[in-house]
Amino acid sequence: MRRTYLLLGFICLSGLALLLVAKTISKQAEKAAVAPRIVSGPVHFSFLTIKDRPFTDDSLPPDKPVGFILFSPSCDDCRDQVQDIYAHRQLYHDITLLLVTNEDAASTRHFAITEKLDSLPFVKVLLDTSNSLFRYFGVFTTPTIFVYDGHRRLVKKYTGEVKSENIIKCALENEE
């Protein structure tokens, strides 16, 4: 009887270990598939503003660095990130920031108003209703920030909060 329990325990543990290994391999394969897309050139997109107007990659000013900030209105770290951007708003005159969420329009509008984002001319709050950018970048954590230079080349990816000074330095260091 004891031998049977040991054998069952061994089988269960072996199955669990195989499941974890398969999940890890799957996650690594997904990351490997996403990485070349991110660095291979400009990002093409079509979103809605919080006023239900279309906003596409053609709406961006040419030759100006862009920061994509994938966020959630319910995320405390995202709120802290936005508050840091607001506090350093005078530094962002040469950069466009696209705050992109896949959450509902009502909570996103409330977030934008509460955080005074509508008063920042360099910020566009956008709704990714099809979740396309999150899938394109393979993002599961917010905030995640992708900084592109004026030639639309990826310069840096940040996961989590980042100081405004770092975003700006990163975006402008390749500009001349």
C-alpha atoms as a PDB file:
ATOM      1  CA  MET A   1       0.000   0.000   0.000  1.00  0.00           C
ATOM      2  CA  ARG A   2       2.788   2.412   0.919  1.00  0.00           C
ATOM      3  CA  ARG A   3       4.570   1.576  -2.300  1.00  0.00           C
ATOM      4  CA  THR A   4       1.430   2.483  -4.289  1.00  0.00           C
ATOM      5  CA  TYR A   5       1.204   5.884  -2.591  1.00  0.00           C
ATOM      6  CA  LEU A   6       4.871   6.564  -3.280  1.00  0.00           C
ATOM      7  CA  LEU A   7       4.404   5.619  -6.925  1.00  0.00           C
ATOM      8  CA  LEU A   8       1.323   7.858  -7.260  1.00  0.00           C
ATOM      9  CA  GLY A   9       3.173  10.727  -5.585  1.00  0.00           C
ATOM     10  CA  PHE A  10       6.130  10.282  -7.928  1.00  0.00           C
ATOM     11  CA  ILE A  11       3.843  10.253 -10.977  1.00  0.00           C
ATOM     12  CA  CYS A  12       2.026  13.405  -9.814  1.00  0.00           C
ATOM     13  CA  LEU A  13       5.259  15.272  -9.125  1.00  0.00           C
ATOM     14  CA  SER A  14       6.720  14.179 -12.460  1.00  0.00           C
ATOM     15  CA  GLY A  15       3.603  15.373 -14.281  1.00  0.00           C
ATOM     16  CA  LEU A  16       3.725  18.714 -12.479  1.00  0.00           C
ATOM     17  CA  ALA A  17       7.411  19.149 -13.351  1.00  0.00           C
ATOM     18  CA  LEU A  18       6.719  18.375 -17.024  1.00  0.00           C
ATOM     19  CA  LEU A  19       3.871  20.885 -17.055  1.00  0.00           C
ATOM     20  CA  LEU A  20       6.110  23.623 -15.625  1.00  0.00           C
ATOM     21  CA  VAL A  21       8.860  22.875 -18.147  1.00  0.00           C
ATOM     22  CA  ALA A  22       6.367  22.976 -21.046  1.00  0.00           C
ATOM     23  CA  LYS A  23       4.919  26.281 -19.820  1.00  0.00           C
ATOM     24  CA  THR A  24       8.400  27.821 -19.511  1.00  0.00           C
ATOM     25  CA  ILE A  25       9.376  26.691 -23.005  1.00  0.00           C
ATOM     26  CA  SER A  26       6.105  28.073 -24.412  1.00  0.00           C
ATOM     27  CA  LYS A  27       6.676  31.455 -22.719  1.00  0.00           C
ATOM     28  CA  GLN A  28      10.246  31.656 -24.047  1.00  0.00           C
ATOM     29  CA  ALA A  29       9.072  30.813 -27.571  1.00  0.00           C
ATOM     30  CA  GLU A  30       6.444  33.555 -27.355  1.00  0.00           C
ATOM     31  CA  LYS A  31       9.050  36.103 -26.228  1.00  0.00           C
ATOM     32  CA  ALA A  32      11.398  35.033 -29.019  1.00  0.00           C
ATOM     33  CA  ALA A  33       8.630  35.520 -31.582  1.00  0.00           C
ATOM     34  CA  VAL A  34       7.748  39.011 -30.262  1.00  0.00           C
ATOM     35  CA  ALA A  35      11.307  40.395 -29.989  1.00  0.00           C
ATOM     36  CA  PRO A  36      12.053  40.720 -33.744  1.00  0.00           C
ATOM     37  CA  ARG A  37       8.755  42.529 -34.353  1.00  0.00           C
ATOM     38  CA  ILE A  38       9.526  45.153 -31.729  1.00  0.00           C
ATOM     39  CA  VAL A  39      12.889  46.200 -33.151  1.00  0.00           C
ATOM     40  CA  SER A  40      12.199  45.678 -36.853  1.00  0.00           C
ATOM     41  CA  GLY A  41      10.876  49.160 -37.577  1.00  0.00           C
ATOM     42  CA  PRO A  42       8.016  51.548 -37.010  1.00  0.00           C
ATOM     43  CA  VAL A  43       4.879  50.402 -35.260  1.00  0.00           C
ATOM     44  CA  HIS A  44       1.681  50.663 -37.293  1.00  0.00           C
ATOM     45  CA  PHE A  45      -1.518  51.096 -35.315  1.00  0.00           C
ATOM     46  CA  SER A  46      -5.058  52.379 -35.317  1.00  0.00           C
ATOM     47  CA  PHE A  47      -6.660  53.382 -32.004  1.00  0.00           C
ATOM     48  CA  LEU A  48      -9.395  55.619 -30.683  1.00  0.00           C
ATOM     49  CA  THR A  49      -8.840  58.700 -28.570  1.00  0.00           C
ATOM     50  CA  ILE A  50     -10.870  59.039 -25.392  1.00  0.00           C
ATOM     51  CA  LYS A  51     -13.130  61.335 -27.433  1.00  0.00           C
ATOM     52  CA  ASP A  52     -13.816  58.445 -29.869  1.00  0.00           C
ATOM     53  CA  ARG A  53     -11.723  59.922 -32.676  1.00  0.00           C
ATOM     54  CA  PRO A  54      -9.391  57.748 -34.758  1.00  0.00           C
ATOM     55  CA  PHE A  55      -5.663  58.050 -34.093  1.00  0.00           C
ATOM     56  CA  THR A  56      -3.161  56.157 -36.251  1.00  0.00           C
ATOM     57  CA  ASP A  57       0.599  56.061 -36.693  1.00  0.00           C
ATOM     58  CA  ASP A  58       0.075  58.605 -39.506  1.00  0.00           C
ATOM     59  CA  SER A  59      -1.222  61.045 -36.853  1.00  0.00           C
ATOM     60  CA  LEU A  60       2.222  61.265 -35.242  1.00  0.00           C
ATOM     61  CA  PRO A  61       4.449  64.241 -35.945  1.00  0.00           C
ATOM     62  CA  PRO A  62       7.311  63.225 -38.247  1.00  0.00           C
ATOM     63  CA  ASP A  63      10.872  62.954 -36.936  1.00  0.00           C
ATOM     64  CA  LYS A  64       9.815  63.292 -33.308  1.00  0.00           C
ATOM     65  CA  PRO A  65      10.605  60.662 -30.651  1.00  0.00           C
ATOM     66  CA  VAL A  66       7.632  58.670 -29.378  1.00  0.00           C
ATOM     67  CA  GLY A  67       7.060  56.868 -26.121  1.00  0.00           C
ATOM     68  CA  PHE A  68       4.405  54.170 -25.985  1.00  0.00           C
ATOM     69  CA  ILE A  69       3.221  53.723 -22.413  1.00  0.00           C
ATOM     70  CA  LEU A  70       0.993  50.684 -22.102  1.00  0.00           C
ATOM     71  CA  PHE A  71      -1.039  51.242 -18.970  1.00  0.00           C
ATOM     72  CA  SER A  72      -4.151  50.415 -17.014  1.00  0.00           C
ATOM     73  CA  PRO A  73      -6.303  53.057 -15.290  1.00  0.00           C
ATOM     74  CA  SER A  74      -6.626  50.764 -12.259  1.00  0.00           C
ATOM     75  CA  CYS A  75      -2.857  50.242 -11.901  1.00  0.00           C
ATOM     76  CA  ASP A  76      -1.210  52.130  -9.015  1.00  0.00           C
ATOM     77  CA  ASP A  77       2.231  52.027 -10.676  1.00  0.00           C
ATOM     78  CA  CYS A  78       0.677  53.477 -13.842  1.00  0.00           C
ATOM     79  CA  ARG A  79      -0.864  56.287 -11.813  1.00  0.00           C
ATOM     80  CA  ASP A  80       2.532  56.996 -10.229  1.00  0.00           C
ATOM     81  CA  GLN A  81       4.146  56.991 -13.687  1.00  0.00           C
ATOM     82  CA  VAL A  82       1.612  59.506 -14.996  1.00  0.00           C
ATOM     83  CA  GLN A  83       2.051  61.713 -11.945  1.00  0.00           C
ATOM     84  CA  ASP A  84       5.810  61.743 -12.562  1.00  0.00           C
ATOM     85  CA  ILE A  85       5.202  62.717 -16.196  1.00  0.00           C
ATOM     86  CA  TYR A  86       2.879  65.520 -15.085  1.00  0.00           C
ATOM     87  CA  ALA A  87       5.404  66.756 -12.519  1.00  0.00           C
ATOM     88  CA  HIS A  88       8.103  66.905 -15.227  1.00  0.00           C
ATOM     89  CA  ARG A  89       5.828  68.094 -18.052  1.00  0.00           C
ATOM     90  CA  GLN A  90       8.125  70.996 -18.963  1.00  0.00           C
ATOM     91  CA  LEU A  91      10.816  68.487 -20.043  1.00  0.00           C
ATOM     92  CA  TYR A  92       8.675  66.723 -22.653  1.00  0.00           C
ATOM     93  CA  HIS A  93       8.455  69.442 -25.334  1.00  0.00           C
ATOM     94  CA  ASP A  94      10.395  67.320 -27.883  1.00  0.00           C
ATOM     95  CA  ILE A  95       8.635  64.002 -27.291  1.00  0.00           C
ATOM     96  CA  THR A  96       5.167  62.595 -27.973  1.00  0.00           C
ATOM     97  CA  LEU A  97       3.803  60.182 -25.377  1.00  0.00           C
ATOM     98  CA  LEU A  98       1.069  57.749 -26.317  1.00  0.00           C
ATOM     99  CA  LEU A  99      -0.646  56.312 -23.269  1.00  0.00           C
ATOM    100  CA  VAL A 100      -2.369  53.195 -24.566  1.00  0.00           C
ATOM    101  CA  THR A 101      -4.797  51.011 -22.657  1.00  0.00           C
ATOM    102  CA  ASN A 102      -7.005  48.068 -23.514  1.00  0.00           C
ATOM    103  CA  GLU A 103      -9.482  48.909 -20.752  1.00  0.00           C
ATOM    104  CA  ASP A 104     -12.924  50.473 -21.075  1.00  0.00           C
ATOM    105  CA  ALA A 105     -13.419  54.027 -22.309  1.00  0.00           C
ATOM    106  CA  ALA A 106     -15.274  55.297 -19.226  1.00  0.00           C
ATOM    107  CA  SER A 107     -12.573  54.407 -16.688  1.00  0.00           C
ATOM    108  CA  THR A 108      -9.876  55.618 -19.093  1.00  0.00           C
ATOM    109  CA  ARG A 109     -11.613  58.999 -19.532  1.00  0.00           C
ATOM    110  CA  HIS A 110     -11.986  59.330 -15.763  1.00  0.00           C
ATOM    111  CA  PHE A 111      -8.289  58.492 -15.302  1.00  0.00           C
ATOM    112  CA  ALA A 112      -7.231  61.043 -17.941  1.00  0.00           C
ATOM    113  CA  ILE A 113      -9.313  63.798 -16.354  1.00  0.00           C
ATOM    114  CA  THR A 114      -8.298  62.961 -12.779  1.00  0.00           C
ATOM    115  CA  GLU A 115      -4.608  62.920 -13.702  1.00  0.00           C
ATOM    116  CA  LYS A 116      -4.929  66.135 -15.817  1.00  0.00           C
ATOM    117  CA  LEU A 117      -3.654  64.403 -18.939  1.00  0.00           C
ATOM    118  CA  ASP A 118      -5.966  66.476 -21.131  1.00  0.00           C
ATOM    119  CA  SER A 119      -3.852  69.525 -20.213  1.00  0.00           C
ATOM    120  CA  LEU A 120      -0.648  68.003 -21.602  1.00  0.00           C
ATOM    121  CA  PRO A 121      -0.277  68.706 -25.345  1.00  0.00           C
ATOM    122  CA  PHE A 122       2.435  66.065 -25.812  1.00  0.00           C
ATOM    123  CA  VAL A 123       0.244  63.260 -24.381  1.00  0.00           C
ATOM    124  CA  LYS A 124      -2.393  61.289 -26.274  1.00  0.00           C
ATOM    125  CA  VAL A 125      -4.525  58.867 -24.273  1.00  0.00           C
ATOM    126  CA  LEU A 126      -5.610  56.077 -26.582  1.00  0.00           C
ATOM    127  CA  LEU A 127      -7.901  53.066 -26.462  1.00  0.00           C
ATOM    128  CA  ASP A 128      -6.621  49.826 -27.953  1.00  0.00           C
ATOM    129  CA  THR A 129     -10.048  48.245 -28.331  1.00  0.00           C
ATOM    130  CA  SER A 130      -8.715  45.201 -30.183  1.00  0.00           C
ATOM    131  CA  ASN A 131      -5.803  44.665 -27.768  1.00  0.00           C
ATOM    132  CA  SER A 132      -3.498  44.726 -30.802  1.00  0.00           C
ATOM    133  CA  LEU A 133      -0.586  46.703 -29.342  1.00  0.00           C
ATOM    134  CA  PHE A 134      -0.481  44.638 -26.172  1.00  0.00           C
ATOM    135  CA  ARG A 135      -0.332  41.474 -28.307  1.00  0.00           C
ATOM    136  CA  TYR A 136       2.167  43.000 -30.751  1.00  0.00           C
ATOM    137  CA  PHE A 137       4.551  43.860 -27.940  1.00  0.00           C
ATOM    138  CA  GLY A 138       3.727  40.758 -25.892  1.00  0.00           C
ATOM    139  CA  VAL A 139       2.931  42.894 -22.850  1.00  0.00           C
ATOM    140  CA  PHE A 140       1.344  41.448 -19.739  1.00  0.00           C
ATOM    141  CA  THR A 141       2.632  43.974 -17.175  1.00  0.00           C
ATOM    142  CA  THR A 142       1.698  47.624 -16.843  1.00  0.00           C
ATOM    143  CA  PRO A 143       3.189  50.083 -17.096  1.00  0.00           C
ATOM    144  CA  THR A 144       5.454  48.988 -19.932  1.00  0.00           C
ATOM    145  CA  ILE A 145       7.184  51.708 -21.903  1.00  0.00           C
ATOM    146  CA  PHE A 146       8.700  51.516 -25.379  1.00  0.00           C
ATOM    147  CA  VAL A 147      10.795  54.501 -26.428  1.00  0.00           C
ATOM    148  CA  TYR A 148      11.362  55.135 -30.143  1.00  0.00           C
ATOM    149  CA  ASP A 149      13.661  57.796 -31.577  1.00  0.00           C
ATOM    150  CA  GLY A 150      12.615  60.272 -34.271  1.00  0.00           C
ATOM    151  CA  HIS A 151      13.481  57.710 -36.958  1.00  0.00           C
ATOM    152  CA  ARG A 152      11.031  55.258 -35.332  1.00  0.00           C
ATOM    153  CA  ARG A 153      13.749  52.893 -34.147  1.00  0.00           C
ATOM    154  CA  LEU A 154      13.297  51.230 -30.786  1.00  0.00           C
ATOM    155  CA  VAL A 155      15.731  52.716 -28.298  1.00  0.00           C
ATOM    156  CA  LYS A 156      14.602  51.172 -25.006  1.00  0.00           C
ATOM    157  CA  LYS A 157      11.946  49.062 -23.334  1.00  0.00           C
ATOM    158  CA  TYR A 158      11.094  49.580 -19.682  1.00  0.00           C
ATOM    159  CA  THR A 159       8.878  47.373 -17.550  1.00  0.00           C
ATOM    160  CA  GLY A 160       7.503  49.151 -14.515  1.00  0.00           C
ATOM    161  CA  GLU A 161       7.838  52.754 -13.432  1.00  0.00           C
ATOM    162  CA  VAL A 162      10.623  54.872 -14.887  1.00  0.00           C
ATOM    163  CA  LYS A 163      11.741  58.407 -14.095  1.00  0.00           C
ATOM    164  CA  SER A 164      10.857  61.019 -16.686  1.00  0.00           C
ATOM    165  CA  GLU A 165      14.494  62.043 -16.960  1.00  0.00           C
ATOM    166  CA  ASN A 166      15.387  58.525 -18.132  1.00  0.00           C
ATOM    167  CA  ILE A 167      12.630  58.444 -20.749  1.00  0.00           C
ATOM    168  CA  ILE A 168      13.653  61.828 -22.127  1.00  0.00           C
ATOM    169  CA  LYS A 169      17.377  61.082 -22.121  1.00  0.00           C
ATOM    170  CA  CYS A 170      16.776  57.779 -23.854  1.00  0.00           C
ATOM    171  CA  ALA A 171      14.486  59.287 -26.506  1.00  0.00           C
ATOM    172  CA  LEU A 172      16.771  62.196 -27.331  1.00  0.00           C
ATOM    173  CA  GLU A 173      20.235  60.656 -27.134  1.00  0.00           C
ATOM    174  CA  ASN A 174      20.121  59.459 -30.754  1.00  0.00           C
ATOM    175  CA  GLU A 175      18.694  62.733 -32.074  1.00  0.00           C
ATOM    176  CA  GLU A 176      21.040  65.127 -33.813  1.00  0.00           C
END
